[in-house]
């Protein structure tokens, strides 16, 4: 990932946890954690996490508004749905 500041292995993370957390919290760094040579997780600060949640909420809201605008009011009963699925 191009936006990672650094990467540490899970073994390094165990010994450097306080430093990694400090860099994420105060430095705003995004630090990848690798396991068996593959990226397994990313340590981010609270501000990045909150921004991600805000972004996800905005996407959900946009999808809801789009679905609501496309709703033509037609409803399908359970029996009709089961018939269609079994057909």
C-alpha atoms as a PDB file:
ATOM      1  CA  UNK A   1       0.000   0.000   0.000  1.00  0.00           C
ATOM      2  CA  UNK A   2       1.353   3.362  -0.951  1.00  0.00           C
ATOM      3  CA  UNK A   3      -0.068   5.166   2.078  1.00  0.00           C
ATOM      4  CA  UNK A   4       1.772   3.105   4.705  1.00  0.00           C
ATOM      5  CA  UNK A   5       4.523   4.927   6.562  1.00  0.00           C
ATOM      6  CA  UNK A   6       6.299   1.741   7.579  1.00  0.00           C
ATOM      7  CA  UNK A   7       5.855  -1.973   8.072  1.00  0.00           C
ATOM      8  CA  UNK A   8       6.699  -4.192  11.032  1.00  0.00           C
ATOM      9  CA  UNK A   9       6.413  -7.933  11.475  1.00  0.00           C
ATOM     10  CA  UNK A  10       4.209  -9.371  14.186  1.00  0.00           C
ATOM     11  CA  UNK A  11       7.377 -10.308  16.076  1.00  0.00           C
ATOM     12  CA  UNK A  12       8.676  -6.718  15.845  1.00  0.00           C
ATOM     13  CA  UNK A  13       5.270  -5.402  16.885  1.00  0.00           C
ATOM     14  CA  UNK A  14       5.451  -7.350  20.144  1.00  0.00           C
ATOM     15  CA  UNK A  15       8.695  -5.643  21.107  1.00  0.00           C
ATOM     16  CA  UNK A  16       7.857  -2.204  19.633  1.00  0.00           C
ATOM     17  CA  UNK A  17       4.157  -1.873  20.473  1.00  0.00           C
ATOM     18  CA  UNK A  18       4.480   1.340  22.500  1.00  0.00           C
ATOM     19  CA  UNK A  19       6.555   2.981  19.748  1.00  0.00           C
ATOM     20  CA  UNK A  20       4.200   1.851  16.972  1.00  0.00           C
ATOM     21  CA  UNK A  21       1.152   3.111  18.880  1.00  0.00           C
ATOM     22  CA  UNK A  22       2.850   6.431  19.582  1.00  0.00           C
ATOM     23  CA  UNK A  23       3.744   6.884  15.920  1.00  0.00           C
ATOM     24  CA  UNK A  24       0.150   6.157  14.907  1.00  0.00           C
ATOM     25  CA  UNK A  25      -1.419   8.274  17.665  1.00  0.00           C
ATOM     26  CA  UNK A  26       0.820  11.327  17.619  1.00  0.00           C
ATOM     27  CA  UNK A  27       2.550  11.144  14.245  1.00  0.00           C
ATOM     28  CA  UNK A  28      -0.492  10.166  12.227  1.00  0.00           C
ATOM     29  CA  UNK A  29       1.460   7.313  10.672  1.00  0.00           C
ATOM     30  CA  UNK A  30      -0.160   4.223   9.166  1.00  0.00           C
ATOM     31  CA  UNK A  31       1.956   1.227  10.024  1.00  0.00           C
ATOM     32  CA  UNK A  32       1.442  -2.102   8.327  1.00  0.00           C
ATOM     33  CA  UNK A  33       1.799  -5.300  10.312  1.00  0.00           C
ATOM     34  CA  UNK A  34       2.998  -8.292   8.325  1.00  0.00           C
ATOM     35  CA  UNK A  35       2.672 -11.972   9.069  1.00  0.00           C
ATOM     36  CA  UNK A  36       4.563 -14.517   7.009  1.00  0.00           C
ATOM     37  CA  UNK A  37       5.572 -11.719   4.656  1.00  0.00           C
ATOM     38  CA  UNK A  38       2.009 -10.617   3.907  1.00  0.00           C
ATOM     39  CA  UNK A  39       0.206  -7.542   5.151  1.00  0.00           C
ATOM     40  CA  UNK A  40      -2.143  -8.696   7.931  1.00  0.00           C
ATOM     41  CA  UNK A  41      -3.270  -5.463   9.594  1.00  0.00           C
ATOM     42  CA  UNK A  42      -2.664  -1.742   9.732  1.00  0.00           C
ATOM     43  CA  UNK A  43      -2.241   0.326  12.890  1.00  0.00           C
ATOM     44  CA  UNK A  44      -3.837   3.753  12.468  1.00  0.00           C
ATOM     45  CA  UNK A  45      -4.619   6.597  14.801  1.00  0.00           C
ATOM     46  CA  UNK A  46      -8.094   7.448  16.012  1.00  0.00           C
ATOM     47  CA  UNK A  47      -8.417  10.374  13.592  1.00  0.00           C
ATOM     48  CA  UNK A  48      -7.845   8.069  10.596  1.00  0.00           C
ATOM     49  CA  UNK A  49     -10.274   5.507  12.000  1.00  0.00           C
ATOM     50  CA  UNK A  50     -12.971   8.141  12.559  1.00  0.00           C
ATOM     51  CA  UNK A  51     -12.438   9.480   9.035  1.00  0.00           C
ATOM     52  CA  UNK A  52     -12.890   5.952   7.677  1.00  0.00           C
ATOM     53  CA  UNK A  53     -16.125   5.534   9.637  1.00  0.00           C
ATOM     54  CA  UNK A  54     -17.401   8.892   8.334  1.00  0.00           C
ATOM     55  CA  UNK A  55     -16.555   7.820   4.777  1.00  0.00           C
ATOM     56  CA  UNK A  56     -18.367   4.502   5.208  1.00  0.00           C
ATOM     57  CA  UNK A  57     -21.414   6.265   6.643  1.00  0.00           C
ATOM     58  CA  UNK A  58     -21.480   8.677   3.708  1.00  0.00           C
ATOM     59  CA  UNK A  59     -21.343   5.746   1.271  1.00  0.00           C
ATOM     60  CA  UNK A  60     -24.164   3.963   3.114  1.00  0.00           C
ATOM     61  CA  UNK A  61     -26.283   7.102   3.098  1.00  0.00           C
ATOM     62  CA  UNK A  62     -25.690   7.635  -0.629  1.00  0.00           C
ATOM     63  CA  UNK A  63     -26.634   4.007  -1.359  1.00  0.00           C
ATOM     64  CA  UNK A  64     -29.795   4.357   0.744  1.00  0.00           C
ATOM     65  CA  UNK A  65     -30.812   7.549  -1.063  1.00  0.00           C
ATOM     66  CA  UNK A  66     -30.158   5.933  -4.440  1.00  0.00           C
ATOM     67  CA  UNK A  67     -32.221   2.858  -3.528  1.00  0.00           C
ATOM     68  CA  UNK A  68     -35.035   5.013  -2.169  1.00  0.00           C
ATOM     69  CA  UNK A  69     -35.096   7.124  -5.339  1.00  0.00           C
ATOM     70  CA  UNK A  70     -35.199   3.981  -7.500  1.00  0.00           C
ATOM     71  CA  UNK A  71     -38.035   2.403  -5.482  1.00  0.00           C
ATOM     72  CA  UNK A  72     -41.145   2.218  -7.672  1.00  0.00           C
ATOM     73  CA  UNK A  73     -43.398   1.176  -4.795  1.00  0.00           C
ATOM     74  CA  UNK A  74     -43.976  -2.345  -6.115  1.00  0.00           C
ATOM     75  CA  UNK A  75     -43.921  -4.970  -3.382  1.00  0.00           C
ATOM     76  CA  UNK A  76     -43.613  -8.744  -3.646  1.00  0.00           C
ATOM     77  CA  UNK A  77     -45.268 -11.117  -1.210  1.00  0.00           C
ATOM     78  CA  UNK A  78     -43.392 -14.003   0.390  1.00  0.00           C
ATOM     79  CA  UNK A  79     -45.312 -16.655  -1.566  1.00  0.00           C
ATOM     80  CA  UNK A  80     -44.563 -14.921  -4.862  1.00  0.00           C
ATOM     81  CA  UNK A  81     -40.895 -14.604  -3.942  1.00  0.00           C
ATOM     82  CA  UNK A  82     -40.670 -18.313  -3.094  1.00  0.00           C
ATOM     83  CA  UNK A  83     -42.327 -19.234  -6.396  1.00  0.00           C
ATOM     84  CA  UNK A  84     -39.873 -17.058  -8.319  1.00  0.00           C
ATOM     85  CA  UNK A  85     -36.891 -18.531  -6.476  1.00  0.00           C
ATOM     86  CA  UNK A  86     -38.029 -22.096  -7.120  1.00  0.00           C
ATOM     87  CA  UNK A  87     -38.742 -21.471 -10.809  1.00  0.00           C
END
